[in-house]
Structures are given as C-alpha cells and as structure tokens.
C-alpha cells in the first residue's frame, strides 16, 4: 500500500467518524423493530415512557381530588365538582374560540 492509498484510507475513516451517528438506530423493518429494540433498547421509548408515566400520575391525582371534592362537597378556589361537570359537558364553539384568539 503506497502513501496515497494510506492517506485515502485515513481520510475515509475520519469522514466516517465525523458523519456517523451511532445514536440513531438503523432502518429496521417494522416487523422486526420490536426484536431490535428488545435487544438494543431505545432511548426514545424510555423518554416517552417517562412522560406518559408522569401524565398518568397527574391524571390519577386530579381524579382523586375531583372524587374527594364530589364526595365531601368542598370547593377549591370557588369551584365545586358540579361546576367542573358543567364545563366538561358544555358545547364549545370552536369558531368563536378561534376568533377570540
């Protein structure tokens, strides 16, 4: 191998290192993606799972607070459970909301 070939090989390796993105999973057929992620893991799924877990926890806390308000008849910031139910059941005119923005 002469000097030119060695230099080309070095430049090729440098270019591969520079532009390689080892954090991205290779293109995997959807049929095999579950097997691939079970072997190598997936950073995206872990962060999504944490976000979903937090949302579920928040929803459960809000549900418990709502049930406690409904059972005891308490008000939080002058809002009771009946008012919350009315607001959920109220029809919303999306066109009007859009125009008010």
PDB file of N, CA and C in Angstrom:
ATOM      1  N   UNK A   1       0.866  -1.175   0.000  1.00  0.00           N
ATOM      2  CA  UNK A   1       0.000   0.000   0.000  1.00  0.00           C
ATOM      3  C   UNK A   1       0.910   1.235   0.000  1.00  0.00           C
ATOM      4  N   UNK A   2       0.711   2.104  -0.968  1.00  0.00           N
ATOM      5  CA  UNK A   2       1.561   3.293  -1.047  1.00  0.00           C
ATOM      6  C   UNK A   2       0.987   4.428  -0.200  1.00  0.00           C
ATOM      7  N   UNK A   3       1.653   5.530  -0.154  1.00  0.00           N
ATOM      8  CA  UNK A   3       1.273   6.673   0.687  1.00  0.00           C
ATOM      9  C   UNK A   3      -0.098   7.231   0.302  1.00  0.00           C
ATOM     10  N   UNK A   4      -0.398   7.283  -0.980  1.00  0.00           N
ATOM     11  CA  UNK A   4      -1.676   7.819  -1.433  1.00  0.00           C
ATOM     12  C   UNK A   4      -2.830   6.961  -0.937  1.00  0.00           C
ATOM     13  N   UNK A   5      -2.693   5.668  -1.014  1.00  0.00           N
ATOM     14  CA  UNK A   5      -3.738   4.758  -0.544  1.00  0.00           C
ATOM     15  C   UNK A   5      -3.919   4.855   0.966  1.00  0.00           C
ATOM     16  N   UNK A   6      -2.816   4.966   1.688  1.00  0.00           N
ATOM     17  CA  UNK A   6      -2.904   5.126   3.139  1.00  0.00           C
ATOM     18  C   UNK A   6      -3.633   6.413   3.499  1.00  0.00           C
ATOM     19  N   UNK A   7      -3.276   7.485   2.790  1.00  0.00           N
ATOM     20  CA  UNK A   7      -3.913   8.778   3.066  1.00  0.00           C
ATOM     21  C   UNK A   7      -5.406   8.719   2.762  1.00  0.00           C
ATOM     22  N   UNK A   8      -5.789   8.099   1.671  1.00  0.00           N
ATOM     23  CA  UNK A   8      -7.205   7.952   1.320  1.00  0.00           C
ATOM     24  C   UNK A   8      -7.950   7.148   2.382  1.00  0.00           C
ATOM     25  N   UNK A   9      -7.303   6.082   2.850  1.00  0.00           N
ATOM     26  CA  UNK A   9      -7.932   5.257   3.879  1.00  0.00           C
ATOM     27  C   UNK A   9      -8.127   6.050   5.166  1.00  0.00           C
ATOM     28  N   UNK A  10      -7.143   6.836   5.562  1.00  0.00           N
ATOM     29  CA  UNK A  10      -7.257   7.673   6.754  1.00  0.00           C
ATOM     30  C   UNK A  10      -8.376   8.701   6.609  1.00  0.00           C
ATOM     31  N   UNK A  11      -8.421   9.345   5.448  1.00  0.00           N
ATOM     32  CA  UNK A  11      -9.474  10.339   5.210  1.00  0.00           C
ATOM     33  C   UNK A  11     -10.854   9.693   5.224  1.00  0.00           C
ATOM     34  N   UNK A  12     -10.961   8.512   4.654  1.00  0.00           N
ATOM     35  CA  UNK A  12     -12.243   7.797   4.660  1.00  0.00           C
ATOM     36  C   UNK A  12     -12.678   7.470   6.088  1.00  0.00           C
ATOM     37  N   UNK A  13     -11.756   7.001   6.923  1.00  0.00           N
ATOM     38  CA  UNK A  13     -12.084   6.696   8.317  1.00  0.00           C
ATOM     39  C   UNK A  13     -12.467   7.951   9.089  1.00  0.00           C
ATOM     40  N   UNK A  14     -11.758   9.054   8.843  1.00  0.00           N
ATOM     41  CA  UNK A  14     -12.092  10.314   9.508  1.00  0.00           C
ATOM     42  C   UNK A  14     -13.485  10.789   9.109  1.00  0.00           C
ATOM     43  N   UNK A  15     -13.803  10.644   7.834  1.00  0.00           N
ATOM     44  CA  UNK A  15     -15.123  11.064   7.350  1.00  0.00           C
ATOM     45  C   UNK A  15     -16.218  10.200   7.960  1.00  0.00           C
ATOM     46  N   UNK A  16     -15.985   8.905   8.042  1.00  0.00           N
ATOM     47  CA  UNK A  16     -16.975   8.013   8.658  1.00  0.00           C
ATOM     48  C   UNK A  16     -17.207   8.368  10.117  1.00  0.00           C
ATOM     49  N   UNK A  17     -16.109   8.655  10.846  1.00  0.00           N
ATOM     50  CA  UNK A  17     -16.252   9.045  12.247  1.00  0.00           C
ATOM     51  C   UNK A  17     -17.006  10.361  12.384  1.00  0.00           C
ATOM     52  N   UNK A  18     -16.698  11.291  11.499  1.00  0.00           N
ATOM     53  CA  UNK A  18     -17.310  12.620  11.583  1.00  0.00           C
ATOM     54  C   UNK A  18     -18.810  12.571  11.318  1.00  0.00           C
ATOM     55  N   UNK A  19     -19.218  11.810  10.318  1.00  0.00           N
ATOM     56  CA  UNK A  19     -20.615  11.811   9.912  1.00  0.00           C
ATOM     57  C   UNK A  19     -21.417  10.625  10.417  1.00  0.00           C
ATOM     58  N   UNK A  20     -20.790   9.720  11.142  1.00  0.00           N
ATOM     59  CA  UNK A  20     -21.560   8.597  11.660  1.00  0.00           C
ATOM     60  C   UNK A  20     -22.373   9.069  12.846  1.00  0.00           C
ATOM     61  N   UNK A  21     -23.573   8.568  12.944  1.00  0.00           N
ATOM     62  CA  UNK A  21     -24.451   8.911  14.050  1.00  0.00           C
ATOM     63  C   UNK A  21     -24.806   7.612  14.739  1.00  0.00           C
ATOM     64  N   UNK A  22     -24.012   7.263  15.735  1.00  0.00           N
ATOM     65  CA  UNK A  22     -24.211   5.974  16.386  1.00  0.00           C
ATOM     66  C   UNK A  22     -25.430   5.969  17.303  1.00  0.00           C
ATOM     67  N   UNK A  23     -26.003   7.157  17.590  1.00  0.00           N
ATOM     68  CA  UNK A  23     -27.167   7.230  18.467  1.00  0.00           C
ATOM     69  C   UNK A  23     -28.460   6.867  17.757  1.00  0.00           C
ATOM     70  N   UNK A  24     -28.450   6.854  16.446  1.00  0.00           N
ATOM     71  CA  UNK A  24     -29.659   6.570  15.675  1.00  0.00           C
ATOM     72  C   UNK A  24     -29.686   5.090  15.320  1.00  0.00           C
ATOM     73  N   UNK A  25     -30.803   4.464  15.581  1.00  0.00           N
ATOM     74  CA  UNK A  25     -30.960   3.064  15.223  1.00  0.00           C
ATOM     75  C   UNK A  25     -30.999   2.934  13.708  1.00  0.00           C
ATOM     76  N   UNK A  26     -30.464   1.854  13.185  1.00  0.00           N
ATOM     77  CA  UNK A  26     -30.540   1.666  11.737  1.00  0.00           C
ATOM     78  C   UNK A  26     -31.975   1.409  11.305  1.00  0.00           C
ATOM     79  N   UNK A  27     -32.202   1.560  10.028  1.00  0.00           N
ATOM     80  CA  UNK A  27     -33.540   1.313   9.497  1.00  0.00           C
ATOM     81  C   UNK A  27     -33.868  -0.164   9.670  1.00  0.00           C
ATOM     82  N   UNK A  28     -34.912  -0.424  10.400  1.00  0.00           N
ATOM     83  CA  UNK A  28     -35.319  -1.796  10.679  1.00  0.00           C
ATOM     84  C   UNK A  28     -36.758  -1.953  10.204  1.00  0.00           C
ATOM     85  N   UNK A  29     -37.020  -3.054   9.541  1.00  0.00           N
ATOM     86  CA  UNK A  29     -38.382  -3.321   9.084  1.00  0.00           C
ATOM     87  C   UNK A  29     -39.309  -3.347  10.293  1.00  0.00           C
ATOM     88  N   UNK A  30     -40.510  -2.755  10.175  1.00  0.00           N
ATOM     89  CA  UNK A  30     -41.430  -2.705  11.321  1.00  0.00           C
ATOM     90  C   UNK A  30     -41.707  -4.067  11.943  1.00  0.00           C
ATOM     91  N   UNK A  31     -41.666  -5.109  11.146  1.00  0.00           N
ATOM     92  CA  UNK A  31     -41.922  -6.445  11.663  1.00  0.00           C
ATOM     93  C   UNK A  31     -40.857  -6.853  12.688  1.00  0.00           C
ATOM     94  N   UNK A  32     -39.631  -6.351  12.508  1.00  0.00           N
ATOM     95  CA  UNK A  32     -38.524  -6.746  13.372  1.00  0.00           C
ATOM     96  C   UNK A  32     -38.125  -5.658  14.366  1.00  0.00           C
ATOM     97  N   UNK A  33     -38.830  -4.541  14.375  1.00  0.00           N
ATOM     98  CA  UNK A  33     -38.433  -3.437  15.257  1.00  0.00           C
ATOM     99  C   UNK A  33     -38.571  -3.805  16.729  1.00  0.00           C
ATOM    100  N   UNK A  34     -39.569  -4.586  17.089  1.00  0.00           N
ATOM    101  CA  UNK A  34     -39.731  -4.979  18.492  1.00  0.00           C
ATOM    102  C   UNK A  34     -38.563  -5.842  18.947  1.00  0.00           C
ATOM    103  N   UNK A  35     -38.134  -6.750  18.087  1.00  0.00           N
ATOM    104  CA  UNK A  35     -36.994  -7.599  18.445  1.00  0.00           C
ATOM    105  C   UNK A  35     -35.726  -6.756  18.557  1.00  0.00           C
ATOM    106  N   UNK A  36     -35.544  -5.812  17.649  1.00  0.00           N
ATOM    107  CA  UNK A  36     -34.351  -4.961  17.685  1.00  0.00           C
ATOM    108  C   UNK A  36     -34.320  -4.112  18.956  1.00  0.00           C
ATOM    109  N   UNK A  37     -35.440  -3.480  19.291  1.00  0.00           N
ATOM    110  CA  UNK A  37     -35.458  -2.633  20.482  1.00  0.00           C
ATOM    111  C   UNK A  37     -35.343  -3.452  21.762  1.00  0.00           C
ATOM    112  N   UNK A  38     -35.813  -4.708  21.747  1.00  0.00           N
ATOM    113  CA  UNK A  38     -35.649  -5.524  22.951  1.00  0.00           C
ATOM    114  C   UNK A  38     -34.179  -5.896  23.157  1.00  0.00           C
ATOM    115  N   UNK A  39     -33.426  -6.011  22.086  1.00  0.00           N
ATOM    116  CA  UNK A  39     -32.009  -6.354  22.199  1.00  0.00           C
ATOM    117  C   UNK A  39     -31.173  -5.122  22.519  1.00  0.00           C
ATOM    118  N   UNK A  40     -31.366  -4.045  21.747  1.00  0.00           N
ATOM    119  CA  UNK A  40     -30.511  -2.871  21.858  1.00  0.00           C
ATOM    120  C   UNK A  40     -31.130  -1.730  22.643  1.00  0.00           C
ATOM    121  N   UNK A  41     -32.411  -1.808  22.922  1.00  0.00           N
ATOM    122  CA  UNK A  41     -33.070  -0.733  23.659  1.00  0.00           C
ATOM    123  C   UNK A  41     -33.357   0.453  22.742  1.00  0.00           C
ATOM    124  N   UNK A  42     -34.091   1.389  23.285  1.00  0.00           N
ATOM    125  CA  UNK A  42     -34.442   2.578  22.523  1.00  0.00           C
ATOM    126  C   UNK A  42     -34.536   3.755  23.473  1.00  0.00           C
ATOM    127  N   UNK A  43     -33.742   4.780  23.219  1.00  0.00           N
ATOM    128  CA  UNK A  43     -33.767   5.969  24.072  1.00  0.00           C
ATOM    129  C   UNK A  43     -35.085   6.707  23.942  1.00  0.00           C
ATOM    130  N   UNK A  44     -35.661   6.710  22.747  1.00  0.00           N
ATOM    131  CA  UNK A  44     -36.919   7.416  22.529  1.00  0.00           C
ATOM    132  C   UNK A  44     -38.031   6.812  23.373  1.00  0.00           C
ATOM    133  N   UNK A  45     -38.103   5.484  23.418  1.00  0.00           N
ATOM    134  CA  UNK A  45     -39.163   4.831  24.174  1.00  0.00           C
ATOM    135  C   UNK A  45     -39.023   5.105  25.662  1.00  0.00           C
ATOM    136  N   UNK A  46     -37.795   5.189  26.164  1.00  0.00           N
ATOM    137  CA  UNK A  46     -37.592   5.450  27.577  1.00  0.00           C
ATOM    138  C   UNK A  46     -38.067   6.849  27.941  1.00  0.00           C
ATOM    139  N   UNK A  47     -37.757   7.838  27.110  1.00  0.00           N
ATOM    140  CA  UNK A  47     -38.181   9.197  27.423  1.00  0.00           C
ATOM    141  C   UNK A  47     -39.688   9.348  27.262  1.00  0.00           C
ATOM    142  N   UNK A  48     -40.263   8.668  26.272  1.00  0.00           N
ATOM    143  CA  UNK A  48     -41.708   8.718  26.101  1.00  0.00           C
ATOM    144  C   UNK A  48     -42.411   8.041  27.268  1.00  0.00           C
ATOM    145  N   UNK A  49     -41.862   6.943  27.738  1.00  0.00           N
ATOM    146  CA  UNK A  49     -42.464   6.225  28.857  1.00  0.00           C
ATOM    147  C   UNK A  49     -42.451   7.085  30.109  1.00  0.00           C
ATOM    148  N   UNK A  50     -41.385   7.821  30.324  1.00  0.00           N
ATOM    149  CA  UNK A  50     -41.318   8.699  31.491  1.00  0.00           C
ATOM    150  C   UNK A  50     -42.368   9.793  31.377  1.00  0.00           C
ATOM    151  N   UNK A  51     -42.551  10.357  30.202  1.00  0.00           N
ATOM    152  CA  UNK A  51     -43.550  11.401  30.005  1.00  0.00           C
ATOM    153  C   UNK A  51     -44.960  10.870  30.175  1.00  0.00           C
ATOM    154  N   UNK A  52     -45.212   9.698  29.656  1.00  0.00           N
ATOM    155  CA  UNK A  52     -46.537   9.098  29.784  1.00  0.00           C
ATOM    156  C   UNK A  52     -46.806   8.737  31.243  1.00  0.00           C
ATOM    157  N   UNK A  53     -45.797   8.221  31.914  1.00  0.00           N
ATOM    158  CA  UNK A  53     -45.961   7.877  33.326  1.00  0.00           C
ATOM    159  C   UNK A  53     -46.323   9.087  34.167  1.00  0.00           C
ATOM    160  N   UNK A  54     -45.675  10.207  33.896  1.00  0.00           N
ATOM    161  CA  UNK A  54     -45.985  11.435  34.628  1.00  0.00           C
ATOM    162  C   UNK A  54     -47.401  11.896  34.335  1.00  0.00           C
ATOM    163  N   UNK A  55     -47.817  11.820  33.092  1.00  0.00           N
ATOM    164  CA  UNK A  55     -49.179  12.234  32.723  1.00  0.00           C
ATOM    165  C   UNK A  55     -50.231  11.355  33.390  1.00  0.00           C
ATOM    166  N   UNK A  56     -49.971  10.056  33.424  1.00  0.00           N
ATOM    167  CA  UNK A  56     -50.913   9.139  34.073  1.00  0.00           C
ATOM    168  C   UNK A  56     -50.991   9.455  35.567  1.00  0.00           C
ATOM    169  N   UNK A  57     -49.843   9.681  36.201  1.00  0.00           N
ATOM    170  CA  UNK A  57     -49.816  10.022  37.619  1.00  0.00           C
ATOM    171  C   UNK A  57     -50.599  11.305  37.876  1.00  0.00           C
ATOM    172  N   UNK A  58     -50.394  12.324  37.038  1.00  0.00           N
ATOM    173  CA  UNK A  58     -51.110  13.591  37.193  1.00  0.00           C
ATOM    174  C   UNK A  58     -52.616  13.402  37.011  1.00  0.00           C
ATOM    175  N   UNK A  59     -53.007  12.587  36.034  1.00  0.00           N
ATOM    176  CA  UNK A  59     -54.429  12.337  35.803  1.00  0.00           C
ATOM    177  C   UNK A  59     -55.061  11.625  36.993  1.00  0.00           C
ATOM    178  N   UNK A  60     -54.344  10.666  37.570  1.00  0.00           N
ATOM    179  CA  UNK A  60     -54.874   9.940  38.724  1.00  0.00           C
ATOM    180  C   UNK A  60     -55.028  10.882  39.920  1.00  0.00           C
ATOM    181  N   UNK A  61     -54.042  11.745  40.138  1.00  0.00           N
ATOM    182  CA  UNK A  61     -54.128  12.707  41.246  1.00  0.00           C
ATOM    183  C   UNK A  61     -55.323  13.638  41.053  1.00  0.00           C
ATOM    184  N   UNK A  62     -55.497  14.146  39.837  1.00  0.00           N
ATOM    185  CA  UNK A  62     -56.633  15.034  39.573  1.00  0.00           C
ATOM    186  C   UNK A  62     -57.962  14.307  39.747  1.00  0.00           C
ATOM    187  N   UNK A  63     -58.025  13.050  39.332  1.00  0.00           N
ATOM    188  CA  UNK A  63     -59.249  12.273  39.509  1.00  0.00           C
ATOM    189  C   UNK A  63     -59.553  12.077  40.987  1.00  0.00           C
ATOM    190  N   UNK A  64     -58.536  11.762  41.785  1.00  0.00           N
ATOM    191  CA  UNK A  64     -58.737  11.572  43.221  1.00  0.00           C
ATOM    192  C   UNK A  64     -59.204  12.871  43.865  1.00  0.00           C
ATOM    193  N   UNK A  65     -58.618  13.996  43.466  1.00  0.00           N
ATOM    194  CA  UNK A  65     -59.041  15.292  44.009  1.00  0.00           C
ATOM    195  C   UNK A  65     -60.483  15.581  43.630  1.00  0.00           C
ATOM    196  N   UNK A  66     -60.844  15.283  42.369  1.00  0.00           N
ATOM    197  CA  UNK A  66     -62.218  15.514  41.929  1.00  0.00           C
ATOM    198  C   UNK A  66     -63.203  14.648  42.713  1.00  0.00           C
ATOM    199  N   UNK A  67     -62.880  13.367  42.908  1.00  0.00           N
ATOM    200  CA  UNK A  67     -63.775  12.474  43.647  1.00  0.00           C
ATOM    201  C   UNK A  67     -63.917  12.939  45.095  1.00  0.00           C
ATOM    202  N   UNK A  68     -62.799  13.366  45.689  1.00  0.00           N
ATOM    203  CA  UNK A  68     -62.860  13.854  47.071  1.00  0.00           C
ATOM    204  C   UNK A  68     -63.713  15.121  47.159  1.00  0.00           C
ATOM    205  N   UNK A  69     -63.583  16.004  46.170  1.00  0.00           N
ATOM    206  CA  UNK A  69     -64.412  17.216  46.145  1.00  0.00           C
ATOM    207  C   UNK A  69     -65.881  16.854  46.028  1.00  0.00           C
ATOM    208  N   UNK A  70     -66.184  15.883  45.171  1.00  0.00           N
ATOM    209  CA  UNK A  70     -67.568  15.495  44.935  1.00  0.00           C
ATOM    210  C   UNK A  70     -68.179  14.840  46.174  1.00  0.00           C
ATOM    211  N   UNK A  71     -67.440  13.990  46.823  1.00  0.00           N
ATOM    212  CA  UNK A  71     -67.949  13.279  47.998  1.00  0.00           C
ATOM    213  C   UNK A  71     -68.158  14.211  49.195  1.00  0.00           C
ATOM    214  N   UNK A  72     -67.223  15.136  49.396  1.00  0.00           N
ATOM    215  CA  UNK A  72     -67.307  15.989  50.579  1.00  0.00           C
ATOM    216  C   UNK A  72     -68.033  17.306  50.321  1.00  0.00           C
ATOM    217  N   UNK A  73     -68.263  17.637  49.052  1.00  0.00           N
ATOM    218  CA  UNK A  73     -68.943  18.894  48.740  1.00  0.00           C
ATOM    219  C   UNK A  73     -68.046  20.115  48.910  1.00  0.00           C
ATOM    220  N   UNK A  74     -66.743  19.913  48.955  1.00  0.00           N
ATOM    221  CA  UNK A  74     -65.789  21.018  49.136  1.00  0.00           C
ATOM    222  C   UNK A  74     -65.632  21.810  47.844  1.00  0.00           C
ATOM    223  N   UNK A  75     -65.140  23.032  48.016  1.00  0.00           N
ATOM    224  CA  UNK A  75     -64.831  23.890  46.879  1.00  0.00           C
ATOM    225  C   UNK A  75     -63.341  24.211  46.916  1.00  0.00           C
ATOM    226  N   UNK A  76     -62.753  24.255  45.746  1.00  0.00           N
ATOM    227  CA  UNK A  76     -61.366  24.692  45.611  1.00  0.00           C
ATOM    228  C   UNK A  76     -61.377  25.914  44.707  1.00  0.00           C
ATOM    229  N   UNK A  77     -60.936  27.043  45.269  1.00  0.00           N
ATOM    230  CA  UNK A  77     -60.918  28.314  44.528  1.00  0.00           C
ATOM    231  C   UNK A  77     -62.305  28.636  43.983  1.00  0.00           C
ATOM    232  N   UNK A  78     -63.295  28.504  44.792  1.00  0.00           N
ATOM    233  CA  UNK A  78     -64.708  28.783  44.474  1.00  0.00           C
ATOM    234  C   UNK A  78     -65.252  27.922  43.339  1.00  0.00           C
ATOM    235  N   UNK A  79     -64.650  26.783  43.095  1.00  0.00           N
ATOM    236  CA  UNK A  79     -65.130  25.860  42.066  1.00  0.00           C
ATOM    237  C   UNK A  79     -65.445  24.533  42.742  1.00  0.00           C
ATOM    238  N   UNK A  80     -66.675  24.039  42.508  1.00  0.00           N
ATOM    239  CA  UNK A  80     -67.037  22.745  43.066  1.00  0.00           C
ATOM    240  C   UNK A  80     -67.145  21.710  41.945  1.00  0.00           C
ATOM    241  N   UNK A  81     -67.429  20.477  42.293  1.00  0.00           N
ATOM    242  CA  UNK A  81     -67.452  19.390  41.319  1.00  0.00           C
ATOM    243  C   UNK A  81     -68.582  19.567  40.302  1.00  0.00           C
ATOM    244  N   UNK A  82     -69.693  20.154  40.712  1.00  0.00           N
ATOM    245  CA  UNK A  82     -70.801  20.383  39.769  1.00  0.00           C
ATOM    246  C   UNK A  82     -70.393  21.353  38.680  1.00  0.00           C
ATOM    247  N   UNK A  83     -69.634  22.372  39.028  1.00  0.00           N
ATOM    248  CA  UNK A  83     -69.171  23.356  38.038  1.00  0.00           C
ATOM    249  C   UNK A  83     -68.211  22.703  37.049  1.00  0.00           C
ATOM    250  N   UNK A  84     -67.365  21.818  37.542  1.00  0.00           N
ATOM    251  CA  UNK A  84     -66.432  21.115  36.659  1.00  0.00           C
ATOM    252  C   UNK A  84     -67.202  20.246  35.669  1.00  0.00           C
ATOM    253  N   UNK A  85     -68.215  19.539  36.150  1.00  0.00           N
ATOM    254  CA  UNK A  85     -69.032  18.697  35.272  1.00  0.00           C
ATOM    255  C   UNK A  85     -69.756  19.548  34.234  1.00  0.00           C
ATOM    256  N   UNK A  86     -70.284  20.697  34.629  1.00  0.00           N
ATOM    257  CA  UNK A  86     -70.960  21.591  33.684  1.00  0.00           C
ATOM    258  C   UNK A  86     -70.011  22.061  32.592  1.00  0.00           C
ATOM    259  N   UNK A  87     -68.785  22.399  32.973  1.00  0.00           N
ATOM    260  CA  UNK A  87     -67.817  22.881  31.978  1.00  0.00           C
ATOM    261  C   UNK A  87     -67.393  21.767  31.024  1.00  0.00           C
ATOM    262  N   UNK A  88     -67.308  20.546  31.524  1.00  0.00           N
ATOM    263  CA  UNK A  88     -66.955  19.424  30.655  1.00  0.00           C
ATOM    264  C   UNK A  88     -68.067  19.146  29.664  1.00  0.00           C
ATOM    265  N   UNK A  89     -69.326  19.230  30.126  1.00  0.00           N
ATOM    266  CA  UNK A  89     -70.462  18.923  29.264  1.00  0.00           C
ATOM    267  C   UNK A  89     -70.847  20.065  28.343  1.00  0.00           C
ATOM    268  N   UNK A  90     -70.353  21.269  28.587  1.00  0.00           N
ATOM    269  CA  UNK A  90     -70.735  22.430  27.775  1.00  0.00           C
ATOM    270  C   UNK A  90     -70.219  22.276  26.349  1.00  0.00           C
ATOM    271  N   UNK A  91     -71.080  22.652  25.392  1.00  0.00           N
ATOM    272  CA  UNK A  91     -70.675  22.649  23.993  1.00  0.00           C
ATOM    273  C   UNK A  91     -69.766  23.846  23.751  1.00  0.00           C
ATOM    274  N   UNK A  92     -68.713  23.600  23.002  1.00  0.00           N
ATOM    275  CA  UNK A  92     -67.751  24.656  22.701  1.00  0.00           C
ATOM    276  C   UNK A  92     -67.819  24.976  21.226  1.00  0.00           C
ATOM    277  N   UNK A  93     -67.983  26.251  20.928  1.00  0.00           N
ATOM    278  CA  UNK A  93     -67.977  26.702  19.547  1.00  0.00           C
ATOM    279  C   UNK A  93     -66.534  27.013  19.172  1.00  0.00           C
ATOM    280  N   UNK A  94     -65.930  26.102  18.429  1.00  0.00           N
ATOM    281  CA  UNK A  94     -64.519  26.256  18.101  1.00  0.00           C
ATOM    282  C   UNK A  94     -64.241  27.486  17.253  1.00  0.00           C
ATOM    283  N   UNK A  95     -65.175  27.837  16.412  1.00  0.00           N
ATOM    284  CA  UNK A  95     -65.001  29.026  15.570  1.00  0.00           C
ATOM    285  C   UNK A  95     -64.922  30.287  16.419  1.00  0.00           C
ATOM    286  N   UNK A  96     -65.775  30.358  17.439  1.00  0.00           N
ATOM    287  CA  UNK A  96     -65.757  31.508  18.338  1.00  0.00           C
ATOM    288  C   UNK A  96     -64.471  31.575  19.150  1.00  0.00           C
ATOM    289  N   UNK A  97     -64.025  30.427  19.627  1.00  0.00           N
ATOM    290  CA  UNK A  97     -62.767  30.390  20.383  1.00  0.00           C
ATOM    291  C   UNK A  97     -61.609  30.822  19.490  1.00  0.00           C
ATOM    292  N   UNK A  98     -61.585  30.341  18.253  1.00  0.00           N
ATOM    293  CA  UNK A  98     -60.525  30.695  17.331  1.00  0.00           C
ATOM    294  C   UNK A  98     -60.518  32.194  17.050  1.00  0.00           C
ATOM    295  N   UNK A  99     -61.696  32.775  16.890  1.00  0.00           N
ATOM    296  CA  UNK A  99     -61.772  34.215  16.607  1.00  0.00           C
ATOM    297  C   UNK A  99     -61.347  35.043  17.822  1.00  0.00           C
ATOM    298  N   UNK A 100     -61.586  34.533  19.042  1.00  0.00           N
ATOM    299  CA  UNK A 100     -61.184  35.273  20.245  1.00  0.00           C
ATOM    300  C   UNK A 100     -59.683  35.251  20.448  1.00  0.00           C
ATOM    301  N   UNK A 101     -58.990  34.306  19.845  1.00  0.00           N
ATOM    302  CA  UNK A 101     -57.534  34.254  19.975  1.00  0.00           C
ATOM    303  C   UNK A 101     -56.948  35.332  19.118  1.00  0.00           C
TER     304      UNK A 101
END
